[in-house]
Amino acid sequence: MEFVVIGYDGSDENALARRMAAREDHIALSAEMARDGHQKMAAALLDDHEKMTGSVIIVDFPSRTELDAWLENEPYIKGRVWEKVHVYPCKISPAFQQVKQK
């Protein structure tokens, strides 16, 4: 089952520092998930000054329970980078399902 995960960073003065401290582990987990076929796409959300303020990730897990297990171990959750997280079931367009992952 495919999901869109939108994580919004905190807005306090230490938010960007927390993001940068957890970023390497977040990217490593993302690469592992992409190899395993769970992560389909990811992007950082930017403000008008191109400062990172959140993330959008499209994932594929057999169930919401397995998605929640991933979120519990996501470095941006554990590192308190994301202040709010919204999860929505979705369906990737057939046009994009044919795009090969690098």
PDB file of N, CA and C in Angstrom:
ATOM      1  N   MET A   1       0.839  -1.164   0.000  1.00  0.00           N
ATOM      2  CA  MET A   1       0.000   0.000   0.000  1.00  0.00           C
ATOM      3  C   MET A   1       0.894   1.241   0.000  1.00  0.00           C
ATOM      4  N   GLU A   2       0.558   2.183  -0.836  1.00  0.00           N
ATOM      5  CA  GLU A   2       1.374   3.387  -0.966  1.00  0.00           C
ATOM      6  C   GLU A   2       0.835   4.498  -0.070  1.00  0.00           C
ATOM      7  N   PHE A   3       1.769   5.297   0.452  1.00  0.00           N
ATOM      8  CA  PHE A   3       1.430   6.393   1.351  1.00  0.00           C
ATOM      9  C   PHE A   3       2.279   7.609   1.013  1.00  0.00           C
ATOM     10  N   VAL A   4       1.704   8.794   1.229  1.00  0.00           N
ATOM     11  CA  VAL A   4       2.463  10.040   1.215  1.00  0.00           C
ATOM     12  C   VAL A   4       2.679  10.424   2.673  1.00  0.00           C
ATOM     13  N   VAL A   5       3.929  10.655   3.028  1.00  0.00           N
ATOM     14  CA  VAL A   5       4.283  11.089   4.377  1.00  0.00           C
ATOM     15  C   VAL A   5       4.816  12.513   4.259  1.00  0.00           C
ATOM     16  N   ILE A   6       4.189  13.431   4.987  1.00  0.00           N
ATOM     17  CA  ILE A   6       4.640  14.819   4.987  1.00  0.00           C
ATOM     18  C   ILE A   6       5.065  15.158   6.407  1.00  0.00           C
ATOM     19  N   GLY A   7       6.348  15.451   6.569  1.00  0.00           N
ATOM     20  CA  GLY A   7       6.883  15.826   7.870  1.00  0.00           C
ATOM     21  C   GLY A   7       7.235  17.298   7.869  1.00  0.00           C
ATOM     22  N   TYR A   8       6.705  18.031   8.837  1.00  0.00           N
ATOM     23  CA  TYR A   8       6.972  19.466   8.962  1.00  0.00           C
ATOM     24  C   TYR A   8       7.960  19.693  10.105  1.00  0.00           C
ATOM     25  N   ASP A   9       9.072  20.345   9.790  1.00  0.00           N
ATOM     26  CA  ASP A   9      10.082  20.630  10.801  1.00  0.00           C
ATOM     27  C   ASP A   9       9.544  21.595  11.848  1.00  0.00           C
ATOM     28  N   GLY A  10      10.160  21.547  13.022  1.00  0.00           N
ATOM     29  CA  GLY A  10       9.853  22.539  14.040  1.00  0.00           C
ATOM     30  C   GLY A  10      10.252  23.926  13.550  1.00  0.00           C
ATOM     31  N   SER A  11       9.723  24.940  14.180  1.00  0.00           N
ATOM     32  CA  SER A  11      10.015  26.312  13.760  1.00  0.00           C
ATOM     33  C   SER A  11      10.878  27.064  14.773  1.00  0.00           C
ATOM     34  N   ASP A  12      11.353  26.374  15.788  1.00  0.00           N
ATOM     35  CA  ASP A  12      12.192  27.021  16.795  1.00  0.00           C
ATOM     36  C   ASP A  12      13.593  27.272  16.241  1.00  0.00           C
ATOM     37  N   GLU A  13      14.401  28.007  16.971  1.00  0.00           N
ATOM     38  CA  GLU A  13      15.723  28.404  16.486  1.00  0.00           C
ATOM     39  C   GLU A  13      16.686  27.231  16.320  1.00  0.00           C
ATOM     40  N   ASN A  14      16.429  26.092  16.939  1.00  0.00           N
ATOM     41  CA  ASN A  14      17.313  24.928  16.825  1.00  0.00           C
ATOM     42  C   ASN A  14      16.832  23.899  15.807  1.00  0.00           C
ATOM     43  N   ALA A  15      15.744  24.194  15.107  1.00  0.00           N
ATOM     44  CA  ALA A  15      15.142  23.220  14.189  1.00  0.00           C
ATOM     45  C   ALA A  15      16.111  22.797  13.088  1.00  0.00           C
ATOM     46  N   LEU A  16      16.756  23.750  12.448  1.00  0.00           N
ATOM     47  CA  LEU A  16      17.670  23.407  11.356  1.00  0.00           C
ATOM     48  C   LEU A  16      18.871  22.622  11.879  1.00  0.00           C
ATOM     49  N   ALA A  17      19.363  22.969  13.052  1.00  0.00           N
ATOM     50  CA  ALA A  17      20.491  22.235  13.643  1.00  0.00           C
ATOM     51  C   ALA A  17      20.106  20.784  13.916  1.00  0.00           C
ATOM     52  N   ARG A  18      18.885  20.547  14.412  1.00  0.00           N
ATOM     53  CA  ARG A  18      18.432  19.165  14.639  1.00  0.00           C
ATOM     54  C   ARG A  18      18.354  18.417  13.313  1.00  0.00           C
ATOM     55  N   ARG A  19      17.840  19.081  12.277  1.00  0.00           N
ATOM     56  CA  ARG A  19      17.742  18.451  10.954  1.00  0.00           C
ATOM     57  C   ARG A  19      19.132  18.052  10.467  1.00  0.00           C
ATOM     58  N   MET A  20      20.077  18.958  10.551  1.00  0.00           N
ATOM     59  CA  MET A  20      21.415  18.675  10.039  1.00  0.00           C
ATOM     60  C   MET A  20      22.099  17.572  10.854  1.00  0.00           C
ATOM     61  N   ALA A  21      21.834  17.517  12.160  1.00  0.00           N
ATOM     62  CA  ALA A  21      22.428  16.471  13.003  1.00  0.00           C
ATOM     63  C   ALA A  21      21.897  15.089  12.647  1.00  0.00           C
ATOM     64  N   ALA A  22      20.642  15.000  12.219  1.00  0.00           N
ATOM     65  CA  ALA A  22      20.017  13.709  11.896  1.00  0.00           C
ATOM     66  C   ALA A  22      20.071  13.383  10.409  1.00  0.00           C
ATOM     67  N   ARG A  23      20.505  14.327   9.588  1.00  0.00           N
ATOM     68  CA  ARG A  23      20.388  14.193   8.134  1.00  0.00           C
ATOM     69  C   ARG A  23      21.145  12.989   7.569  1.00  0.00           C
ATOM     70  N   GLU A  24      22.373  12.764   8.002  1.00  0.00           N
ATOM     71  CA  GLU A  24      23.163  11.647   7.470  1.00  0.00           C
ATOM     72  C   GLU A  24      22.459  10.308   7.717  1.00  0.00           C
ATOM     73  N   ASP A  25      21.953  10.103   8.928  1.00  0.00           N
ATOM     74  CA  ASP A  25      21.236   8.859   9.242  1.00  0.00           C
ATOM     75  C   ASP A  25      19.930   8.766   8.457  1.00  0.00           C
ATOM     76  N   HIS A  26      19.248   9.902   8.292  1.00  0.00           N
ATOM     77  CA  HIS A  26      18.002   9.938   7.513  1.00  0.00           C
ATOM     78  C   HIS A  26      18.271   9.534   6.062  1.00  0.00           C
ATOM     79  N   ILE A  27      19.321  10.085   5.467  1.00  0.00           N
ATOM     80  CA  ILE A  27      19.657   9.770   4.071  1.00  0.00           C
ATOM     81  C   ILE A  27      20.070   8.308   3.936  1.00  0.00           C
ATOM     82  N   ALA A  28      20.822   7.789   4.896  1.00  0.00           N
ATOM     83  CA  ALA A  28      21.229   6.377   4.851  1.00  0.00           C
ATOM     84  C   ALA A  28      20.010   5.459   4.918  1.00  0.00           C
ATOM     85  N   LEU A  29      19.067   5.763   5.801  1.00  0.00           N
ATOM     86  CA  LEU A  29      17.853   4.951   5.895  1.00  0.00           C
ATOM     87  C   LEU A  29      17.035   5.072   4.613  1.00  0.00           C
ATOM     88  N   SER A  30      16.963   6.275   4.047  1.00  0.00           N
ATOM     89  CA  SER A  30      16.233   6.473   2.790  1.00  0.00           C
ATOM     90  C   SER A  30      16.830   5.632   1.670  1.00  0.00           C
ATOM     91  N   ALA A  31      18.156   5.591   1.588  1.00  0.00           N
ATOM     92  CA  ALA A  31      18.819   4.793   0.552  1.00  0.00           C
ATOM     93  C   ALA A  31      18.512   3.309   0.736  1.00  0.00           C
ATOM     94  N   GLU A  32      18.542   2.845   1.979  1.00  0.00           N
ATOM     95  CA  GLU A  32      18.217   1.445   2.276  1.00  0.00           C
ATOM     96  C   GLU A  32      16.767   1.134   1.891  1.00  0.00           C
ATOM     97  N   MET A  33      15.869   2.039   2.230  1.00  0.00           N
ATOM     98  CA  MET A  33      14.457   1.830   1.905  1.00  0.00           C
ATOM     99  C   MET A  33      14.219   1.843   0.396  1.00  0.00           C
ATOM    100  N   ALA A  34      14.946   2.691  -0.327  1.00  0.00           N
ATOM    101  CA  ALA A  34      14.810   2.722  -1.788  1.00  0.00           C
ATOM    102  C   ALA A  34      15.297   1.404  -2.385  1.00  0.00           C
ATOM    103  N   ARG A  35      16.420   0.893  -1.886  1.00  0.00           N
ATOM    104  CA  ARG A  35      16.944  -0.395  -2.372  1.00  0.00           C
ATOM    105  C   ARG A  35      15.956  -1.527  -2.111  1.00  0.00           C
ATOM    106  N   ASP A  36      15.284  -1.461  -0.958  1.00  0.00           N
ATOM    107  CA  ASP A  36      14.322  -2.501  -0.584  1.00  0.00           C
ATOM    108  C   ASP A  36      12.961  -2.329  -1.253  1.00  0.00           C
ATOM    109  N   GLY A  37      12.792  -1.225  -1.992  1.00  0.00           N
ATOM    110  CA  GLY A  37      11.538  -0.976  -2.693  1.00  0.00           C
ATOM    111  C   GLY A  37      10.467  -0.290  -1.864  1.00  0.00           C
ATOM    112  N   HIS A  38      10.808   0.121  -0.636  1.00  0.00           N
ATOM    113  CA  HIS A  38       9.813   0.773   0.217  1.00  0.00           C
ATOM    114  C   HIS A  38       9.687   2.270  -0.060  1.00  0.00           C
ATOM    115  N   GLN A  39      10.787   2.924  -0.377  1.00  0.00           N
ATOM    116  CA  GLN A  39      10.725   4.368  -0.643  1.00  0.00           C
ATOM    117  C   GLN A  39      10.726   4.598  -2.141  1.00  0.00           C
ATOM    118  N   LYS A  40       9.712   5.294  -2.612  1.00  0.00           N
ATOM    119  CA  LYS A  40       9.551   5.539  -4.046  1.00  0.00           C
ATOM    120  C   LYS A  40      10.077   6.902  -4.462  1.00  0.00           C
ATOM    121  N   MET A  41       9.970   7.890  -3.583  1.00  0.00           N
ATOM    122  CA  MET A  41      10.397   9.248  -3.888  1.00  0.00           C
ATOM    123  C   MET A  41      10.486  10.024  -2.592  1.00  0.00           C
ATOM    124  N   ALA A  42      11.371  11.008  -2.571  1.00  0.00           N
ATOM    125  CA  ALA A  42      11.468  11.883  -1.406  1.00  0.00           C
ATOM    126  C   ALA A  42      11.959  13.249  -1.852  1.00  0.00           C
ATOM    127  N   ALA A  43      11.538  14.266  -1.128  1.00  0.00           N
ATOM    128  CA  ALA A  43      11.987  15.629  -1.411  1.00  0.00           C
ATOM    129  C   ALA A  43      11.940  16.442  -0.127  1.00  0.00           C
ATOM    130  N   ALA A  44      12.865  17.380  -0.026  1.00  0.00           N
ATOM    131  CA  ALA A  44      12.823  18.336   1.080  1.00  0.00           C
ATOM    132  C   ALA A  44      11.861  19.459   0.712  1.00  0.00           C
ATOM    133  N   LEU A  45      11.094  19.906   1.684  1.00  0.00           N
ATOM    134  CA  LEU A  45      10.259  21.091   1.501  1.00  0.00           C
ATOM    135  C   LEU A  45      11.116  22.313   1.802  1.00  0.00           C
ATOM    136  N   LEU A  46      10.976  23.348   0.985  1.00  0.00           N
ATOM    137  CA  LEU A  46      11.773  24.561   1.143  1.00  0.00           C
ATOM    138  C   LEU A  46      10.874  25.767   1.353  1.00  0.00           C
ATOM    139  N   ASP A  47      11.378  26.742   2.098  1.00  0.00           N
ATOM    140  CA  ASP A  47      10.644  28.002   2.207  1.00  0.00           C
ATOM    141  C   ASP A  47      11.071  28.924   1.062  1.00  0.00           C
ATOM    142  N   ASP A  48      10.620  30.161   1.088  1.00  0.00           N
ATOM    143  CA  ASP A  48      10.924  31.105   0.009  1.00  0.00           C
ATOM    144  C   ASP A  48      12.408  31.436  -0.100  1.00  0.00           C
ATOM    145  N   HIS A  49      13.183  31.131   0.948  1.00  0.00           N
ATOM    146  CA  HIS A  49      14.626  31.387   0.949  1.00  0.00           C
ATOM    147  C   HIS A  49      15.420  30.095   0.743  1.00  0.00           C
ATOM    148  N   GLU A  50      14.733  29.044   0.321  1.00  0.00           N
ATOM    149  CA  GLU A  50      15.307  27.720   0.054  1.00  0.00           C
ATOM    150  C   GLU A  50      15.888  27.055   1.302  1.00  0.00           C
ATOM    151  N   LYS A  51      15.373  27.413   2.466  1.00  0.00           N
ATOM    152  CA  LYS A  51      15.736  26.749   3.721  1.00  0.00           C
ATOM    153  C   LYS A  51      14.830  25.527   3.874  1.00  0.00           C
ATOM    154  N   MET A  52      15.419  24.374   4.226  1.00  0.00           N
ATOM    155  CA  MET A  52      14.634  23.159   4.407  1.00  0.00           C
ATOM    156  C   MET A  52      13.694  23.311   5.607  1.00  0.00           C
ATOM    157  N   THR A  53      12.418  22.985   5.366  1.00  0.00           N
ATOM    158  CA  THR A  53      11.407  23.137   6.417  1.00  0.00           C
ATOM    159  C   THR A  53      10.569  21.880   6.629  1.00  0.00           C
ATOM    160  N   GLY A  54      10.877  20.829   5.891  1.00  0.00           N
ATOM    161  CA  GLY A  54      10.103  19.604   6.023  1.00  0.00           C
ATOM    162  C   GLY A  54      10.473  18.616   4.937  1.00  0.00           C
ATOM    163  N   SER A  55       9.681  17.557   4.846  1.00  0.00           N
ATOM    164  CA  SER A  55       9.949  16.483   3.891  1.00  0.00           C
ATOM    165  C   SER A  55       8.649  15.918   3.353  1.00  0.00           C
ATOM    166  N   VAL A  56       8.711  15.451   2.112  1.00  0.00           N
ATOM    167  CA  VAL A  56       7.622  14.688   1.502  1.00  0.00           C
ATOM    168  C   VAL A  56       8.231  13.372   1.042  1.00  0.00           C
ATOM    169  N   ILE A  57       7.649  12.270   1.464  1.00  0.00           N
ATOM    170  CA  ILE A  57       8.176  10.950   1.110  1.00  0.00           C
ATOM    171  C   ILE A  57       7.009  10.086   0.649  1.00  0.00           C
ATOM    172  N   ILE A  58       7.192   9.411  -0.473  1.00  0.00           N
ATOM    173  CA  ILE A  58       6.208   8.429  -0.929  1.00  0.00           C
ATOM    174  C   ILE A  58       6.801   7.053  -0.661  1.00  0.00           C
ATOM    175  N   VAL A  59       6.067   6.260   0.093  1.00  0.00           N
ATOM    176  CA  VAL A  59       6.542   4.937   0.497  1.00  0.00           C
ATOM    177  C   VAL A  59       5.530   3.866   0.115  1.00  0.00           C
ATOM    178  N   ASP A  60       5.999   2.634   0.125  1.00  0.00           N
ATOM    179  CA  ASP A  60       5.149   1.483  -0.171  1.00  0.00           C
ATOM    180  C   ASP A  60       5.420   0.419   0.891  1.00  0.00           C
ATOM    181  N   PHE A  61       4.414   0.160   1.718  1.00  0.00           N
ATOM    182  CA  PHE A  61       4.493  -0.861   2.755  1.00  0.00           C
ATOM    183  C   PHE A  61       3.256  -1.739   2.665  1.00  0.00           C
ATOM    184  N   PRO A  62       3.347  -2.991   3.093  1.00  0.00           N
ATOM    185  CA  PRO A  62       2.180  -3.870   3.060  1.00  0.00           C
ATOM    186  C   PRO A  62       1.011  -3.373   3.910  1.00  0.00           C
ATOM    187  N   SER A  63       1.320  -2.582   4.962  1.00  0.00           N
ATOM    188  CA  SER A  63       0.244  -2.129   5.853  1.00  0.00           C
ATOM    189  C   SER A  63       0.644  -0.837   6.546  1.00  0.00           C
ATOM    190  N   ARG A  64      -0.333  -0.191   7.131  1.00  0.00           N
ATOM    191  CA  ARG A  64      -0.076   1.010   7.923  1.00  0.00           C
ATOM    192  C   ARG A  64       0.766   0.656   9.147  1.00  0.00           C
ATOM    193  N   THR A  65       0.577  -0.534   9.686  1.00  0.00           N
ATOM    194  CA  THR A  65       1.358  -0.974  10.842  1.00  0.00           C
ATOM    195  C   THR A  65       2.846  -0.979  10.521  1.00  0.00           C
ATOM    196  N   GLU A  66       3.205  -1.478   9.332  1.00  0.00           N
ATOM    197  CA  GLU A  66       4.619  -1.505   8.943  1.00  0.00           C
ATOM    198  C   GLU A  66       5.146  -0.106   8.665  1.00  0.00           C
ATOM    199  N   LEU A  67       4.310   0.754   8.115  1.00  0.00           N
ATOM    200  CA  LEU A  67       4.708   2.147   7.923  1.00  0.00           C
ATOM    201  C   LEU A  67       4.990   2.793   9.280  1.00  0.00           C
ATOM    202  N   ASP A  68       4.116   2.561  10.252  1.00  0.00           N
ATOM    203  CA  ASP A  68       4.309   3.131  11.587  1.00  0.00           C
ATOM    204  C   ASP A  68       5.590   2.610  12.240  1.00  0.00           C
ATOM    205  N   ALA A  69       5.935   1.350  11.996  1.00  0.00           N
ATOM    206  CA  ALA A  69       7.181   0.791  12.533  1.00  0.00           C
ATOM    207  C   ALA A  69       8.387   1.512  11.937  1.00  0.00           C
ATOM    208  N   TRP A  70       8.330   1.816  10.632  1.00  0.00           N
ATOM    209  CA  TRP A  70       9.407   2.592  10.012  1.00  0.00           C
ATOM    210  C   TRP A  70       9.485   3.980  10.651  1.00  0.00           C
ATOM    211  N   LEU A  71       8.329   4.636  10.802  1.00  0.00           N
ATOM    212  CA  LEU A  71       8.334   5.987  11.370  1.00  0.00           C
ATOM    213  C   LEU A  71       8.957   6.012  12.764  1.00  0.00           C
ATOM    214  N   GLU A  72       8.736   4.973  13.555  1.00  0.00           N
ATOM    215  CA  GLU A  72       9.319   4.921  14.899  1.00  0.00           C
ATOM    216  C   GLU A  72      10.842   4.942  14.858  1.00  0.00           C
ATOM    217  N   ASN A  73      11.425   4.447  13.764  1.00  0.00           N
ATOM    218  CA  ASN A  73      12.881   4.400  13.631  1.00  0.00           C
ATOM    219  C   ASN A  73      13.442   5.485  12.723  1.00  0.00           C
ATOM    220  N   GLU A  74      12.580   6.304  12.130  1.00  0.00           N
ATOM    221  CA  GLU A  74      13.017   7.368  11.225  1.00  0.00           C
ATOM    222  C   GLU A  74      13.828   8.400  12.023  1.00  0.00           C
ATOM    223  N   PRO A  75      15.073   8.693  11.594  1.00  0.00           N
ATOM    224  CA  PRO A  75      15.916   9.638  12.333  1.00  0.00           C
ATOM    225  C   PRO A  75      15.295  11.025  12.530  1.00  0.00           C
ATOM    226  N   TYR A  76      14.466  11.471  11.602  1.00  0.00           N
ATOM    227  CA  TYR A  76      13.835  12.785  11.778  1.00  0.00           C
ATOM    228  C   TYR A  76      12.726  12.753  12.827  1.00  0.00           C
ATOM    229  N   ILE A  77      12.210  11.575  13.131  1.00  0.00           N
ATOM    230  CA  ILE A  77      11.267  11.429  14.245  1.00  0.00           C
ATOM    231  C   ILE A  77      12.061  11.320  15.550  1.00  0.00           C
ATOM    232  N   LYS A  78      13.023  10.408  15.559  1.00  0.00           N
ATOM    233  CA  LYS A  78      13.814  10.180  16.769  1.00  0.00           C
ATOM    234  C   LYS A  78      14.587  11.427  17.190  1.00  0.00           C
ATOM    235  N   GLY A  79      15.027  12.222  16.196  1.00  0.00           N
ATOM    236  CA  GLY A  79      15.789  13.431  16.479  1.00  0.00           C
ATOM    237  C   GLY A  79      14.939  14.673  16.666  1.00  0.00           C
ATOM    238  N   ARG A  80      13.614  14.490  16.727  1.00  0.00           N
ATOM    239  CA  ARG A  80      12.674  15.592  16.927  1.00  0.00           C
ATOM    240  C   ARG A  80      12.813  16.689  15.870  1.00  0.00           C
ATOM    241  N   VAL A  81      13.144  16.273  14.639  1.00  0.00           N
ATOM    242  CA  VAL A  81      13.213  17.217  13.519  1.00  0.00           C
ATOM    243  C   VAL A  81      11.799  17.570  13.083  1.00  0.00           C
ATOM    244  N   TRP A  82      10.999  16.534  12.812  1.00  0.00           N
ATOM    245  CA  TRP A  82       9.621  16.768  12.382  1.00  0.00           C
ATOM    246  C   TRP A  82       8.752  17.068  13.599  1.00  0.00           C
ATOM    247  N   GLU A  83       8.099  18.219  13.556  1.00  0.00           N
ATOM    248  CA  GLU A  83       7.176  18.618  14.619  1.00  0.00           C
ATOM    249  C   GLU A  83       5.797  18.014  14.398  1.00  0.00           C
ATOM    250  N   LYS A  84       5.390  17.955  13.131  1.00  0.00           N
ATOM    251  CA  LYS A  84       4.098  17.370  12.750  1.00  0.00           C
ATOM    252  C   LYS A  84       4.342  16.409  11.597  1.00  0.00           C
ATOM    253  N   VAL A  85       3.613  15.305  11.598  1.00  0.00           N
ATOM    254  CA  VAL A  85       3.692  14.333  10.505  1.00  0.00           C
ATOM    255  C   VAL A  85       2.275  13.987  10.077  1.00  0.00           C
ATOM    256  N   HIS A  86       2.033  14.094   8.781  1.00  0.00           N
ATOM    257  CA  HIS A  86       0.743  13.713   8.210  1.00  0.00           C
ATOM    258  C   HIS A  86       0.990  12.536   7.270  1.00  0.00           C
ATOM    259  N   VAL A  87       0.142  11.535   7.339  1.00  0.00           N
ATOM    260  CA  VAL A  87       0.251  10.347   6.491  1.00  0.00           C
ATOM    261  C   VAL A  87      -1.071  10.171   5.759  1.00  0.00           C
ATOM    262  N   TYR A  88      -0.972   9.992   4.441  1.00  0.00           N
ATOM    263  CA  TYR A  88      -2.161   9.794   3.612  1.00  0.00           C
ATOM    264  C   TYR A  88      -1.958   8.587   2.707  1.00  0.00           C
ATOM    265  N   PRO A  89      -2.923   7.679   2.637  1.00  0.00           N
ATOM    266  CA  PRO A  89      -2.849   6.625   1.623  1.00  0.00           C
ATOM    267  C   PRO A  89      -2.892   7.289   0.247  1.00  0.00           C
ATOM    268  N   CYS A  90      -2.199   6.703  -0.710  1.00  0.00           N
ATOM    269  CA  CYS A  90      -2.200   7.264  -2.058  1.00  0.00           C
ATOM    270  C   CYS A  90      -2.005   6.143  -3.074  1.00  0.00           C
ATOM    271  N   LYS A  91      -2.052   6.500  -4.322  1.00  0.00           N
ATOM    272  CA  LYS A  91      -1.786   5.557  -5.409  1.00  0.00           C
ATOM    273  C   LYS A  91      -0.914   6.280  -6.425  1.00  0.00           C
ATOM    274  N   ILE A  92       0.282   5.772  -6.646  1.00  0.00           N
ATOM    275  CA  ILE A  92       1.189   6.368  -7.622  1.00  0.00           C
ATOM    276  C   ILE A  92       0.610   6.170  -9.012  1.00  0.00           C
ATOM    277  N   SER A  93       0.654   7.224  -9.803  1.00  0.00           N
ATOM    278  CA  SER A  93       0.155   7.172 -11.178  1.00  0.00           C
ATOM    279  C   SER A  93       0.885   6.088 -11.968  1.00  0.00           C
ATOM    280  N   PRO A  94       0.172   5.348 -12.821  1.00  0.00           N
ATOM    281  CA  PRO A  94       0.828   4.332 -13.653  1.00  0.00           C
ATOM    282  C   PRO A  94       1.970   4.906 -14.489  1.00  0.00           C
ATOM    283  N   ALA A  95       1.873   6.165 -14.887  1.00  0.00           N
ATOM    284  CA  ALA A  95       2.946   6.781 -15.679  1.00  0.00           C
ATOM    285  C   ALA A  95       4.258   6.821 -14.908  1.00  0.00           C
ATOM    286  N   PHE A  96       4.189   6.961 -13.588  1.00  0.00           N
ATOM    287  CA  PHE A  96       5.394   7.034 -12.775  1.00  0.00           C
ATOM    288  C   PHE A  96       5.839   5.676 -12.256  1.00  0.00           C
ATOM    289  N   GLN A  97       4.975   4.690 -12.295  1.00  0.00           N
ATOM    290  CA  GLN A  97       5.353   3.358 -11.838  1.00  0.00           C
ATOM    291  C   GLN A  97       6.375   2.720 -12.767  1.00  0.00           C
ATOM    292  N   GLN A  98       6.468   3.204 -13.984  1.00  0.00           N
ATOM    293  CA  GLN A  98       7.413   2.654 -14.945  1.00  0.00           C
ATOM    294  C   GLN A  98       8.795   3.286 -14.830  1.00  0.00           C
ATOM    295  N   VAL A  99       8.915   4.389 -14.089  1.00  0.00           N
ATOM    296  CA  VAL A  99      10.191   5.075 -13.933  1.00  0.00           C
ATOM    297  C   VAL A  99      11.086   4.226 -13.047  1.00  0.00           C
ATOM    298  N   LYS A 100      12.284   3.937 -13.525  1.00  0.00           N
ATOM    299  CA  LYS A 100      13.210   3.101 -12.762  1.00  0.00           C
ATOM    300  C   LYS A 100      13.898   3.925 -11.688  1.00  0.00           C
ATOM    301  N   GLN A 101      14.063   3.327 -10.522  1.00  0.00           N
ATOM    302  CA  GLN A 101      14.802   3.955  -9.434  1.00  0.00           C
ATOM    303  C   GLN A 101      16.284   3.814  -9.726  1.00  0.00           C
ATOM    304  N   LYS A 102      17.069   4.814  -9.344  1.00  0.00           N
ATOM    305  CA  LYS A 102      18.529   4.736  -9.518  1.00  0.00           C
ATOM    306  C   LYS A 102      19.119   3.848  -8.459  1.00  0.00           C
TER     307      LYS A 102
END
